[in-house]
C-alpha atoms as a PDB file:
ATOM      1  CA  MET A   1     -77.454-107.028-106.195  1.00  0.00           C
ATOM      2  CA  ALA A   2     -76.244-107.406-109.744  1.00  0.00           C
ATOM      3  CA  ARG A   3     -73.110-105.471-110.350  1.00  0.00           C
ATOM      4  CA  PRO A   4     -72.204-103.121-113.043  1.00  0.00           C
ATOM      5  CA  LEU A   5     -72.147-104.721-116.759  1.00  0.00           C
ATOM      6  CA  ARG A   6     -69.312-107.066-117.680  1.00  0.00           C
ATOM      7  CA  PHE A   7     -68.725-109.665-120.475  1.00  0.00           C
ATOM      8  CA  ARG A   8     -68.870-113.560-119.917  1.00  0.00           C
ATOM      9  CA  TYR A   9     -66.252-115.547-122.118  1.00  0.00           C
ATOM     10  CA  SER A  10     -66.961-118.850-123.192  1.00  0.00           C
ATOM     11  CA  PRO A  11     -63.730-120.406-124.834  1.00  0.00           C
ATOM     12  CA  ALA A  12     -66.273-123.028-126.435  1.00  0.00           C
ATOM     13  CA  SER A  13     -67.429-123.609-129.898  1.00  0.00           C
ATOM     14  CA  TRP A  14     -70.990-122.199-130.587  1.00  0.00           C
ATOM     15  CA  SER A  15     -72.606-122.757-133.569  1.00  0.00           C
ATOM     16  CA  GLU A  16     -76.133-121.311-134.650  1.00  0.00           C
ATOM     17  CA  GLU A  17     -78.229-124.496-133.052  1.00  0.00           C
ATOM     18  CA  ARG A  18     -76.319-124.382-130.024  1.00  0.00           C
ATOM     19  CA  VAL A  19     -77.126-120.897-129.573  1.00  0.00           C
ATOM     20  CA  ARG A  20     -80.751-121.432-130.243  1.00  0.00           C
ATOM     21  CA  HIS A  21     -80.834-124.634-127.871  1.00  0.00           C
ATOM     22  CA  GLU A  22     -78.762-123.448-124.982  1.00  0.00           C
ATOM     23  CA  ILE A  23     -79.585-119.633-124.814  1.00  0.00           C
ATOM     24  CA  LEU A  24     -82.820-118.817-126.710  1.00  0.00           C
ATOM     25  CA  GLN A  25     -85.143-121.870-125.513  1.00  0.00           C
ATOM     26  CA  PRO A  26     -84.276-121.569-121.864  1.00  0.00           C
ATOM     27  CA  LEU A  27     -84.701-117.800-121.600  1.00  0.00           C
ATOM     28  CA  ARG A  28     -87.712-118.109-123.743  1.00  0.00           C
ATOM     29  CA  SER A  29     -89.122-120.654-121.149  1.00  0.00           C
ATOM     30  CA  ASN A  30     -88.174-118.571-118.295  1.00  0.00           C
ATOM     31  CA  ILE A  31     -88.736-115.165-119.222  1.00  0.00           C
ATOM     32  CA  GLY A  32     -90.076-115.054-122.722  1.00  0.00           C
ATOM     33  CA  ALA A  33     -87.209-114.221-124.673  1.00  0.00           C
ATOM     34  CA  ARG A  34     -87.260-113.586-128.250  1.00  0.00           C
ATOM     35  CA  ALA A  35     -84.483-113.380-131.069  1.00  0.00           C
ATOM     36  CA  VAL A  36     -84.169-110.084-132.641  1.00  0.00           C
ATOM     37  CA  ALA A  37     -81.884-108.768-135.354  1.00  0.00           C
ATOM     38  CA  PRO A  38     -78.833-106.796-133.879  1.00  0.00           C
ATOM     39  CA  ARG A  39     -79.276-102.970-134.698  1.00  0.00           C
ATOM     40  CA  PHE A  40     -75.434-102.483-135.543  1.00  0.00           C
ATOM     41  CA  ASP A  41     -72.564-104.576-137.785  1.00  0.00           C
ATOM     42  CA  ILE A  42     -69.893-105.721-135.627  1.00  0.00           C
ATOM     43  CA  GLY A  43     -67.629-105.112-138.456  1.00  0.00           C
ATOM     44  CA  ALA A  44     -65.033-108.681-138.017  1.00  0.00           C
ATOM     45  CA  ASP A  45     -65.453-112.101-138.186  1.00  0.00           C
ATOM     46  CA  TRP A  46     -67.926-112.453-135.436  1.00  0.00           C
ATOM     47  CA  GLU A  47     -71.457-113.621-135.770  1.00  0.00           C
ATOM     48  CA  THR A  48     -73.726-111.880-133.292  1.00  0.00           C
ATOM     49  CA  HIS A  49     -77.036-112.329-131.564  1.00  0.00           C
ATOM     50  CA  ARG A  50     -79.529-109.814-129.736  1.00  0.00           C
ATOM     51  CA  PHE A  51     -82.508-111.148-127.329  1.00  0.00           C
ATOM     52  CA  GLU A  52     -85.272-109.180-125.817  1.00  0.00           C
ATOM     53  CA  MET A  53     -86.958-110.129-122.714  1.00  0.00           C
ATOM     54  CA  GLN A  54     -90.987-109.387-122.395  1.00  0.00           C
ATOM     55  CA  ASN A  55     -90.086-107.759-118.899  1.00  0.00           C
ATOM     56  CA  GLY A  56     -87.402-105.355-120.850  1.00  0.00           C
ATOM     57  CA  ASP A  57     -84.146-107.174-120.446  1.00  0.00           C
ATOM     58  CA  VAL A  58     -81.810-107.146-123.174  1.00  0.00           C
ATOM     59  CA  ALA A  59     -79.005-109.769-123.810  1.00  0.00           C
ATOM     60  CA  LEU A  60     -75.968-109.720-126.643  1.00  0.00           C
ATOM     61  CA  PHE A  61     -74.040-112.677-127.783  1.00  0.00           C
ATOM     62  CA  ALA A  62     -71.047-112.276-130.101  1.00  0.00           C
ATOM     63  CA  ARG A  63     -69.282-115.716-131.529  1.00  0.00           C
ATOM     64  CA  ASN A  64     -66.705-116.818-133.586  1.00  0.00           C
ATOM     65  CA  ASP A  65     -64.615-119.942-134.056  1.00  0.00           C
ATOM     66  CA  GLU A  66     -62.345-119.261-131.112  1.00  0.00           C
ATOM     67  CA  GLY A  67     -65.131-118.613-128.695  1.00  0.00           C
ATOM     68  CA  ALA A  68     -68.005-116.421-127.459  1.00  0.00           C
ATOM     69  CA  TYR A  69     -69.023-113.429-125.409  1.00  0.00           C
ATOM     70  CA  TRP A  70     -72.226-113.069-123.339  1.00  0.00           C
ATOM     71  CA  MET A  71     -73.733-109.747-121.841  1.00  0.00           C
ATOM     72  CA  GLY A  72     -76.936-108.921-120.727  1.00  0.00           C
ATOM     73  CA  ASN A  73     -78.957-107.542-117.725  1.00  0.00           C
ATOM     74  CA  THR A  74     -81.181-110.262-117.270  1.00  0.00           C
ATOM     75  CA  GLU A  75     -80.713-113.717-116.061  1.00  0.00           C
ATOM     76  CA  THR A  76     -77.525-115.986-117.301  1.00  0.00           C
ATOM     77  CA  PRO A  77     -78.227-119.354-119.104  1.00  0.00           C
ATOM     78  CA  SER A  78     -77.028-122.362-117.004  1.00  0.00           C
ATOM     79  CA  SER A  79     -74.438-122.914-120.360  1.00  0.00           C
ATOM     80  CA  LEU A  80     -72.842-119.679-119.346  1.00  0.00           C
ATOM     81  CA  TRP A  81     -72.413-120.070-115.319  1.00  0.00           C
ATOM     82  CA  LYS A  82     -69.114-121.015-115.031  1.00  0.00           C
ATOM     83  CA  THR A  83     -67.682-118.906-117.411  1.00  0.00           C
ATOM     84  CA  ASP A  84     -65.101-116.130-116.546  1.00  0.00           C
ATOM     85  CA  LYS A  85     -66.259-112.110-116.139  1.00  0.00           C
ATOM     86  CA  PHE A  86     -64.323-109.429-118.230  1.00  0.00           C
ATOM     87  CA  GLY A  87     -64.501-105.671-118.172  1.00  0.00           C
ATOM     88  CA  TRP A  88     -65.026-103.505-121.172  1.00  0.00           C
ATOM     89  CA  ARG A  89     -61.263-102.935-121.847  1.00  0.00           C
ATOM     90  CA  GLU A  90     -60.430-106.408-121.806  1.00  0.00           C
ATOM     91  CA  ILE A  91     -62.210-107.880-124.604  1.00  0.00           C
ATOM     92  CA  PRO A  92     -61.743-107.728-128.286  1.00  0.00           C
ATOM     93  CA  TYR A  93     -62.233-104.295-129.632  1.00  0.00           C
ATOM     94  CA  HIS A  94     -65.066-105.258-132.144  1.00  0.00           C
ATOM     95  CA  VAL A  95     -67.123-106.938-129.738  1.00  0.00           C
ATOM     96  CA  SER A  96     -67.122-103.963-126.990  1.00  0.00           C
ATOM     97  CA  ARG A  97     -67.800-101.258-129.558  1.00  0.00           C
ATOM     98  CA  TRP A  98     -70.462-103.700-130.843  1.00  0.00           C
ATOM     99  CA  ALA A  99     -71.945-104.120-127.621  1.00  0.00           C
ATOM    100  CA  GLN A 100     -72.015-100.098-126.533  1.00  0.00           C
ATOM    101  CA  ARG A 101     -73.555 -99.449-129.719  1.00  0.00           C
ATOM    102  CA  GLU A 102     -76.827-101.746-129.107  1.00  0.00           C
ATOM    103  CA  LEU A 103     -76.981-100.865-125.497  1.00  0.00           C
ATOM    104  CA  LEU A 104     -76.751 -97.473-126.227  1.00  0.00           C
ATOM    105  CA  SER A 105     -79.266 -97.233-129.033  1.00  0.00           C
ATOM    106  CA  THR A 106     -81.405 -99.107-126.280  1.00  0.00           C
ATOM    107  CA  LEU A 107     -80.753 -96.415-123.690  1.00  0.00           C
ATOM    108  CA  HIS A 108     -81.485 -93.677-125.506  1.00  0.00           C
ATOM    109  CA  GLU A 109     -84.787 -95.340-127.056  1.00  0.00           C
ATOM    110  CA  GLU A 110     -85.980 -95.906-123.332  1.00  0.00           C
ATOM    111  CA  ASP A 111     -84.678 -92.420-122.097  1.00  0.00           C
ATOM    112  CA  PRO A 112     -84.343 -89.992-125.280  1.00  0.00           C
ATOM    113  CA  TRP A 113     -83.323 -87.185-123.134  1.00  0.00           C
ATOM    114  CA  LEU A 114     -79.949 -88.877-122.312  1.00  0.00           C
ATOM    115  CA  ALA A 115     -78.986 -88.722-126.113  1.00  0.00           C
ATOM    116  CA  ASP A 116     -77.998 -84.865-125.646  1.00  0.00           C
ATOM    117  CA  TYR A 117     -75.249 -86.387-123.188  1.00  0.00           C
ATOM    118  CA  PRO A 118     -73.256 -88.792-125.410  1.00  0.00           C
ATOM    119  CA  HIS A 119     -70.297 -89.134-122.689  1.00  0.00           C
ATOM    120  CA  LEU A 120     -72.203 -89.490-120.051  1.00  0.00           C
ATOM    121  CA  SER A 121     -74.292 -92.025-121.447  1.00  0.00           C
ATOM    122  CA  TRP A 122     -71.207 -94.295-122.699  1.00  0.00           C
ATOM    123  CA  PHE A 123     -69.571 -93.695-119.104  1.00  0.00           C
ATOM    124  CA  PHE A 124     -72.411 -94.915-117.131  1.00  0.00           C
ATOM    125  CA  LEU A 125     -73.441 -97.641-119.590  1.00  0.00           C
ATOM    126  CA  PRO A 126     -72.671-100.117-117.087  1.00  0.00           C
ATOM    127  CA  VAL A 127     -74.791 -98.927-114.563  1.00  0.00           C
ATOM    128  CA  PHE A 128     -77.583 -97.374-116.612  1.00  0.00           C
ATOM    129  CA  MET A 129     -78.202-100.631-118.384  1.00  0.00           C
ATOM    130  CA  SER A 130     -77.498-103.209-115.424  1.00  0.00           C
ATOM    131  CA  LYS A 131     -80.053-105.657-114.141  1.00  0.00           C
ATOM    132  CA  ASP A 132     -80.879-104.020-111.038  1.00  0.00           C
ATOM    133  CA  GLY A 133     -79.717-100.198-111.333  1.00  0.00           C
ATOM    134  CA  ARG A 134     -80.894 -99.167-114.616  1.00  0.00           C
ATOM    135  CA  GLU A 135     -84.235 -97.729-113.389  1.00  0.00           C
ATOM    136  CA  SER A 136     -82.361 -95.987-109.997  1.00  0.00           C
ATOM    137  CA  THR A 137     -79.260 -94.820-111.928  1.00  0.00           C
ATOM    138  CA  ARG A 138     -81.092 -92.791-114.486  1.00  0.00           C
ATOM    139  CA  ALA A 139     -83.632 -91.309-112.115  1.00  0.00           C
ATOM    140  CA  PHE A 140     -80.649 -89.936-110.130  1.00  0.00           C
ATOM    141  CA  PHE A 141     -79.964 -88.044-112.864  1.00  0.00           C
ATOM    142  CA  GLY A 142     -83.265 -87.232-114.439  1.00  0.00           C
ATOM    143  CA  GLU A 143     -85.471 -86.886-111.756  1.00  0.00           C
ATOM    144  CA  HIS A 144     -83.225 -86.070-108.448  1.00  0.00           C
ATOM    145  CA  ALA A 145     -80.670 -83.789-110.489  1.00  0.00           C
ATOM    146  CA  ALA A 146     -77.653 -85.922-109.785  1.00  0.00           C
ATOM    147  CA  GLY A 147     -77.534 -84.629-105.966  1.00  0.00           C
ATOM    148  CA  PHE A 148     -77.464 -80.721-106.672  1.00  0.00           C
ATOM    149  CA  PRO A 149     -80.233 -78.791-104.483  1.00  0.00           C
ATOM    150  CA  ASP A 150     -82.475 -76.186-106.659  1.00  0.00           C
ATOM    151  CA  ALA A 151     -81.158 -77.287-110.108  1.00  0.00           C
ATOM    152  CA  GLY A 152     -82.692 -78.974-113.188  1.00  0.00           C
ATOM    153  CA  ARG A 153     -81.562 -82.177-114.915  1.00  0.00           C
ATOM    154  CA  ARG A 154     -80.101 -80.378-118.073  1.00  0.00           C
ATOM    155  CA  GLU A 155     -77.654 -78.084-116.005  1.00  0.00           C
ATOM    156  CA  THR A 156     -76.616 -81.004-113.829  1.00  0.00           C
ATOM    157  CA  THR A 157     -76.335 -83.550-116.367  1.00  0.00           C
ATOM    158  CA  GLY A 158     -74.575 -81.112-118.555  1.00  0.00           C
ATOM    159  CA  PHE A 159     -72.297 -80.235-115.719  1.00  0.00           C
ATOM    160  CA  PHE A 160     -70.993 -84.265-115.437  1.00  0.00           C
ATOM    161  CA  GLU A 161     -70.821 -84.354-119.312  1.00  0.00           C
ATOM    162  CA  ASP A 162     -68.557 -81.423-119.919  1.00  0.00           C
ATOM    163  CA  PHE A 163     -65.963 -83.052-117.452  1.00  0.00           C
ATOM    164  CA  LEU A 164     -66.445 -86.432-118.567  1.00  0.00           C
ATOM    165  CA  SER A 165     -66.049 -85.507-121.759  1.00  0.00           C
ATOM    166  CA  THR A 166     -62.224 -84.682-121.279  1.00  0.00           C
ATOM    167  CA  GLY A 167     -61.731 -87.847-121.239  1.00  0.00           C
ATOM    168  CA  VAL A 168     -59.549 -88.065-117.704  1.00  0.00           C
ATOM    169  CA  LEU A 169     -61.510 -90.662-116.180  1.00  0.00           C
ATOM    170  CA  ASP A 170     -62.030 -92.645-119.189  1.00  0.00           C
ATOM    171  CA  GLU A 171     -59.449 -95.302-118.059  1.00  0.00           C
ATOM    172  CA  TYR A 172     -61.163 -95.915-114.705  1.00  0.00           C
ATOM    173  CA  ARG A 173     -64.391 -96.119-116.423  1.00  0.00           C
ATOM    174  CA  HIS A 174     -65.368 -99.347-114.786  1.00  0.00           C
ATOM    175  CA  VAL A 175     -64.473 -98.511-111.169  1.00  0.00           C
ATOM    176  CA  MET A 176     -65.880 -95.057-110.897  1.00  0.00           C
ATOM    177  CA  SER A 177     -69.239 -95.772-112.801  1.00  0.00           C
ATOM    178  CA  GLY A 178     -69.518 -98.565-110.532  1.00  0.00           C
ATOM    179  CA  LYS A 179     -69.320 -95.833-107.683  1.00  0.00           C
ATOM    180  CA  LEU A 180     -73.027 -95.110-108.595  1.00  0.00           C
ATOM    181  CA  GLY A 181     -74.029 -98.404-107.554  1.00  0.00           C
ATOM    182  CA  THR A 182     -76.635-100.953-109.198  1.00  0.00           C
ATOM    183  CA  SER A 183     -79.129-100.512-106.497  1.00  0.00           C
ATOM    184  CA  ASP A 184     -83.169-101.040-107.574  1.00  0.00           C
ATOM    185  CA  HIS A 185     -84.283 -97.763-105.646  1.00  0.00           C
ATOM    186  CA  VAL A 186     -82.586 -94.438-105.747  1.00  0.00           C
ATOM    187  CA  ASP A 187     -80.380 -93.752-102.422  1.00  0.00           C
ATOM    188  CA  ARG A 188     -80.032 -90.109-103.082  1.00  0.00           C
ATOM    189  CA  VAL A 189     -77.293 -89.608-100.055  1.00  0.00           C
ATOM    190  CA  ARG A 190     -75.186 -92.695-101.250  1.00  0.00           C
ATOM    191  CA  MET A 191     -75.328 -91.696-104.756  1.00  0.00           C
ATOM    192  CA  SER A 192     -74.828 -88.094-104.110  1.00  0.00           C
ATOM    193  CA  ALA A 193     -71.550 -89.044-102.158  1.00  0.00           C
ATOM    194  CA  ALA A 194     -70.386 -91.088-105.241  1.00  0.00           C
ATOM    195  CA  MET A 195     -70.904 -87.867-107.421  1.00  0.00           C
ATOM    196  CA  ALA A 196     -68.995 -86.149-104.828  1.00  0.00           C
ATOM    197  CA  GLU A 197     -65.733 -88.072-106.058  1.00  0.00           C
ATOM    198  CA  PHE A 198     -66.266 -86.929-109.596  1.00  0.00           C
ATOM    199  CA  ILE A 199     -66.706 -83.427-108.709  1.00  0.00           C
ATOM    200  CA  ALA A 200     -63.325 -83.613-106.281  1.00  0.00           C
ATOM    201  CA  ALA A 201     -61.672 -84.819-109.542  1.00  0.00           C
ATOM    202  CA  LYS A 202     -62.978 -82.234-111.749  1.00  0.00           C
ATOM    203  CA  ILE A 203     -61.435 -79.726-109.051  1.00  0.00           C
ATOM    204  CA  LEU A 204     -58.434 -81.650-109.316  1.00  0.00           C
ATOM    205  CA  THR A 205     -58.267 -81.655-112.805  1.00  0.00           C
ATOM    206  CA  ASP A 206     -59.386 -77.857-113.389  1.00  0.00           C
ATOM    207  CA  ALA A 207     -56.260 -76.782-111.044  1.00  0.00           C
ATOM    208  CA  GLY A 208     -53.642 -78.643-113.478  1.00  0.00           C
ATOM    209  CA  TYR A 209     -53.677 -82.154-111.827  1.00  0.00           C
ATOM    210  CA  ASP A 210     -53.431 -85.575-113.204  1.00  0.00           C
ATOM    211  CA  VAL A 211     -55.949 -87.717-111.009  1.00  0.00           C
ATOM    212  CA  GLU A 212     -55.671 -91.695-110.246  1.00  0.00           C
ATOM    213  CA  PRO A 213     -58.578 -93.120-108.454  1.00  0.00           C
ATOM    214  CA  GLU A 214     -58.892 -95.540-105.893  1.00  0.00           C
ATOM    215  CA  ILE A 215     -55.003 -95.723-104.061  1.00  0.00           C
ATOM    216  CA  GLU A 216     -54.564 -98.515-101.942  1.00  0.00           C
ATOM    217  CA  VAL A 217     -52.437 -97.612 -98.705  1.00  0.00           C
ATOM    218  CA  THR A 218     -50.445 -99.839 -96.438  1.00  0.00           C
ATOM    219  CA  THR A 219     -53.359-100.200 -93.923  1.00  0.00           C
ATOM    220  CA  GLY A 220     -55.277-101.894 -96.374  1.00  0.00           C
ATOM    221  CA  HIS A 221     -57.576 -99.146 -97.014  1.00  0.00           C
ATOM    222  CA  SER A 222     -57.889 -97.239-100.258  1.00  0.00           C
ATOM    223  CA  LEU A 223     -58.172 -93.532-100.404  1.00  0.00           C
ATOM    224  CA  ASP A 224     -60.111 -91.828-103.217  1.00  0.00           C
ATOM    225  CA  PHE A 225     -57.459 -90.154-105.279  1.00  0.00           C
ATOM    226  CA  ARG A 226     -53.525 -89.069-106.024  1.00  0.00           C
ATOM    227  CA  ALA A 227     -53.376 -86.105-107.608  1.00  0.00           C
ATOM    228  CA  GLU A 228     -49.826 -85.550-109.415  1.00  0.00           C
ATOM    229  CA  ASP A 229     -48.029 -82.970-111.614  1.00  0.00           C
ATOM    230  CA  GLU A 230     -44.239 -82.621-111.829  1.00  0.00           C
ATOM    231  CA  ASN A 231     -43.761 -81.540-108.286  1.00  0.00           C
ATOM    232  CA  THR A 232     -46.694 -82.563-106.366  1.00  0.00           C
ATOM    233  CA  ASN A 233     -48.121 -86.340-105.050  1.00  0.00           C
ATOM    234  CA  VAL A 234     -50.441 -86.009-102.630  1.00  0.00           C
ATOM    235  CA  LEU A 235     -53.521 -88.446-101.808  1.00  0.00           C
ATOM    236  CA  VAL A 236     -57.147 -86.889-101.226  1.00  0.00           C
ATOM    237  CA  GLU A 237     -59.754 -88.342 -99.558  1.00  0.00           C
ATOM    238  CA  VAL A 238     -63.378 -86.887-100.047  1.00  0.00           C
ATOM    239  CA  THR A 239     -66.399 -86.881 -97.846  1.00  0.00           C
ATOM    240  CA  ARG A 240     -69.662 -85.141 -98.440  1.00  0.00           C
ATOM    241  CA  PRO A 241     -71.891 -84.045 -95.355  1.00  0.00           C
ATOM    242  CA  GLN A 242     -75.811 -84.658 -95.848  1.00  0.00           C
ATOM    243  CA  PRO A 243     -77.820 -81.395 -96.153  1.00  0.00           C
ATOM    244  CA  PRO A 244     -78.666 -80.322 -92.568  1.00  0.00           C
ATOM    245  CA  ILE A 245     -82.533 -81.198 -93.122  1.00  0.00           C
ATOM    246  CA  ASN A 246     -81.684 -84.680 -93.648  1.00  0.00           C
ATOM    247  CA  ARG A 247     -79.655 -85.336 -90.600  1.00  0.00           C
ATOM    248  CA  ALA A 248     -79.704 -85.056 -86.810  1.00  0.00           C
ATOM    249  CA  ALA A 249     -77.063 -82.671 -86.692  1.00  0.00           C
ATOM    250  CA  ALA A 250     -78.316 -79.107 -85.282  1.00  0.00           C
ATOM    251  CA  GLY A 251     -77.338 -77.058 -88.154  1.00  0.00           C
ATOM    252  CA  PRO A 252     -74.825 -76.790 -91.280  1.00  0.00           C
ATOM    253  CA  VAL A 253     -71.889 -75.882 -89.161  1.00  0.00           C
ATOM    254  CA  ALA A 254     -72.591 -79.141 -87.046  1.00  0.00           C
ATOM    255  CA  ALA A 255     -73.020 -81.274 -90.306  1.00  0.00           C
ATOM    256  CA  VAL A 256     -69.768 -80.384 -91.912  1.00  0.00           C
ATOM    257  CA  ARG A 257     -67.642 -81.031 -88.263  1.00  0.00           C
ATOM    258  CA  ASP A 258     -69.456 -84.088 -87.670  1.00  0.00           C
ATOM    259  CA  THR A 259     -69.231 -85.801 -91.304  1.00  0.00           C
ATOM    260  CA  ALA A 260     -65.664 -84.902 -91.152  1.00  0.00           C
ATOM    261  CA  GLU A 261     -64.968 -86.653 -87.762  1.00  0.00           C
ATOM    262  CA  THR A 262     -66.109 -89.644 -88.902  1.00  0.00           C
ATOM    263  CA  LYS A 263     -64.073 -89.878 -91.974  1.00  0.00           C
ATOM    264  CA  THR A 264     -61.052 -88.376 -89.833  1.00  0.00           C
ATOM    265  CA  ASN A 265     -61.344 -90.836 -86.999  1.00  0.00           C
ATOM    266  CA  GLY A 266     -61.816 -93.723 -89.678  1.00  0.00           C
ATOM    267  CA  GLN A 267     -59.768 -94.126 -92.483  1.00  0.00           C
ATOM    268  CA  LEU A 268     -57.713 -90.900 -92.308  1.00  0.00           C
ATOM    269  CA  ALA A 269     -56.938 -91.859 -88.872  1.00  0.00           C
ATOM    270  CA  GLU A 270     -55.667 -95.222 -89.721  1.00  0.00           C
ATOM    271  CA  HIS A 271     -53.525 -94.086 -92.776  1.00  0.00           C
ATOM    272  CA  GLY A 272     -51.748 -92.097 -90.271  1.00  0.00           C
ATOM    273  CA  GLY A 273     -51.892 -88.724 -91.780  1.00  0.00           C
ATOM    274  CA  GLY A 274     -50.621 -87.071 -94.650  1.00  0.00           C
ATOM    275  CA  ALA A 275     -53.564 -87.009 -96.891  1.00  0.00           C
ATOM    276  CA  VAL A 276     -55.820 -83.848 -97.694  1.00  0.00           C
ATOM    277  CA  LEU A 277     -59.461 -84.013 -96.957  1.00  0.00           C
ATOM    278  CA  PHE A 278     -61.980 -82.794 -99.456  1.00  0.00           C
ATOM    279  CA  VAL A 279     -65.232 -81.906 -97.858  1.00  0.00           C
ATOM    280  CA  ASP A 280     -68.128 -81.372-100.588  1.00  0.00           C
ATOM    281  CA  CYS A 281     -70.824 -79.136 -99.602  1.00  0.00           C
ATOM    282  CA  SER A 282     -72.473 -79.155-102.938  1.00  0.00           C
ATOM    283  CA  SER A 283     -75.664 -80.985-101.292  1.00  0.00           C
ATOM    284  CA  PHE A 284     -76.305 -77.685 -99.219  1.00  0.00           C
ATOM    285  CA  ARG A 285     -79.000 -75.017-100.315  1.00  0.00           C
ATOM    286  CA  ASP A 286     -78.379 -71.392-100.427  1.00  0.00           C
ATOM    287  CA  ASP A 287     -78.824 -70.723 -96.663  1.00  0.00           C
ATOM    288  CA  ALA A 288     -77.107 -73.787 -95.256  1.00  0.00           C
ATOM    289  CA  TRP A 289     -73.904 -73.080 -97.182  1.00  0.00           C
ATOM    290  CA  ASN A 290     -74.079 -69.305 -96.390  1.00  0.00           C
ATOM    291  CA  ALA A 291     -73.790 -70.626 -92.689  1.00  0.00           C
ATOM    292  CA  VAL A 292     -70.883 -72.283 -93.245  1.00  0.00           C
ATOM    293  CA  ARG A 293     -69.197 -69.861 -95.401  1.00  0.00           C
ATOM    294  CA  ALA A 294     -69.486 -67.291 -92.629  1.00  0.00           C
ATOM    295  CA  GLU A 295     -68.247 -69.291 -89.872  1.00  0.00           C
ATOM    296  CA  GLN A 296     -65.774 -71.502 -91.951  1.00  0.00           C
ATOM    297  CA  PRO A 297     -65.847 -74.205 -89.372  1.00  0.00           C
ATOM    298  CA  ASP A 298     -62.475 -76.441 -88.388  1.00  0.00           C
ATOM    299  CA  VAL A 299     -63.212 -79.781 -89.495  1.00  0.00           C
ATOM    300  CA  ARG A 300     -60.914 -81.760 -87.078  1.00  0.00           C
ATOM    301  CA  HIS A 301     -58.288 -82.687 -89.919  1.00  0.00           C
ATOM    302  CA  ARG A 302     -55.436 -80.671 -91.491  1.00  0.00           C
ATOM    303  CA  PRO A 303     -54.964 -80.317 -94.500  1.00  0.00           C
ATOM    304  CA  ALA A 304     -58.457 -80.030 -95.703  1.00  0.00           C
ATOM    305  CA  VAL A 305     -60.527 -78.139 -98.377  1.00  0.00           C
ATOM    306  CA  VAL A 306     -64.241 -77.324 -97.605  1.00  0.00           C
ATOM    307  CA  TYR A 307     -65.948 -76.290-100.362  1.00  0.00           C
ATOM    308  CA  ARG A 308     -69.406 -76.127-102.678  1.00  0.00           C
ATOM    309  CA  VAL A 309     -69.494 -76.523-106.408  1.00  0.00           C
ATOM    310  CA  ARG A 310     -72.715 -75.267-108.418  1.00  0.00           C
ATOM    311  CA  PRO A 311     -73.838 -76.834-111.768  1.00  0.00           C
ATOM    312  CA  ASP A 312     -72.991 -73.892-113.289  1.00  0.00           C
ATOM    313  CA  GLY A 313     -69.403 -74.359-112.616  1.00  0.00           C
ATOM    314  CA  ARG A 314     -68.820 -71.851-109.630  1.00  0.00           C
ATOM    315  CA  VAL A 315     -66.909 -73.678-106.937  1.00  0.00           C
ATOM    316  CA  GLU A 316     -65.992 -71.352-103.720  1.00  0.00           C
ATOM    317  CA  GLY A 317     -64.647 -72.670-100.163  1.00  0.00           C
ATOM    318  CA  TYR A 318     -61.934 -72.275 -97.529  1.00  0.00           C
ATOM    319  CA  THR A 319     -58.872 -74.148 -96.582  1.00  0.00           C
ATOM    320  CA  LYS A 320     -57.767 -75.397 -93.011  1.00  0.00           C
ATOM    321  CA  GLY A 321     -54.140 -76.230 -92.482  1.00  0.00           C
ATOM    322  CA  ARG A 322     -51.227 -76.106 -94.975  1.00  0.00           C
ATOM    323  CA  VAL A 323     -52.745 -77.633 -98.273  1.00  0.00           C
ATOM    324  CA  PRO A 324     -50.271 -78.915-100.392  1.00  0.00           C
ATOM    325  CA  LEU A 325     -52.024 -78.447-103.531  1.00  0.00           C
ATOM    326  CA  ASP A 326     -52.475 -75.172-105.584  1.00  0.00           C
ATOM    327  CA  LEU A 327     -56.392 -74.755-106.185  1.00  0.00           C
ATOM    328  CA  ALA A 328     -56.505 -71.460-106.929  1.00  0.00           C
ATOM    329  CA  GLY A 329     -57.423 -71.910-110.529  1.00  0.00           C
ATOM    330  CA  ALA A 330     -60.077 -74.396-109.256  1.00  0.00           C
ATOM    331  CA  ILE A 331     -61.901 -72.654-106.093  1.00  0.00           C
ATOM    332  CA  ASP A 332     -62.759 -69.156-105.397  1.00  0.00           C
ATOM    333  CA  ILE A 333     -60.927 -69.420-101.727  1.00  0.00           C
ATOM    334  CA  LEU A 334     -62.848 -67.380 -99.289  1.00  0.00           C
ATOM    335  CA  ASN A 335     -60.920 -64.939 -97.072  1.00  0.00           C
END
């Protein structure tokens, strides 16, 4: 499975003739590539190329006297196989900005409805335009309401657009967008679990905390977030129970208990305590959540926060143990 889009850097000199001979011709022979005019100017001392394939793949190439950058959701020409890969923030600004404009234009041409969500389009561009995952990741938002039950694509995509447009996760775009994956099919359970981390980040942000994802701990594991303010430094791990209809558990209460127990006996047990467990029940329909809401079951880890979020912004939940976070401004805490 291909990873989210990154750039390959070649420190060699590339002439027009070399580009034609070592990039265009092999791609034309293998997958019917053609060179087309780039849609945007790069605005610096770079020469740019755009290649489109018969199967819908696209590739970009920018070169100057010092080297060249390649990006594509297609096969890589053999002349670039041994080149190093770099992220979007690790390359010259003009190249990164040009590639984003080219790919966003293509994305919105292929899925025009995403143009109404510019920050989400940009944030998930590395997977929305990836080789294997471009259809599945877009379909997850467009056809599966990003994992929310009883909701439409516009309200759910708008929910994540509003949060992402705050920019609080921009610095972590590559690692966070990559959580959605680049599988060639929609795995709603896994993808919904990934979006639970975005929901947790929103809750923490709304509560007034700065968030940093993927915190390595001494056990060799990574926990999902560090939440900080002037007086707080707390680690948070997120889990998302599957809706009862999709699992063997006897009901929603058992689903919450079992999923939390799996997480508690795994990463949190090895971590040795101290982290807050967030149990996100946003995949539950009203009747399932109402059962959890009424019983407020223990989740075998303390401190813990159990909650459900709706795409209109409503959040309600309950806590177990002494939670070292003030979440009153983000969650309607149940009695």
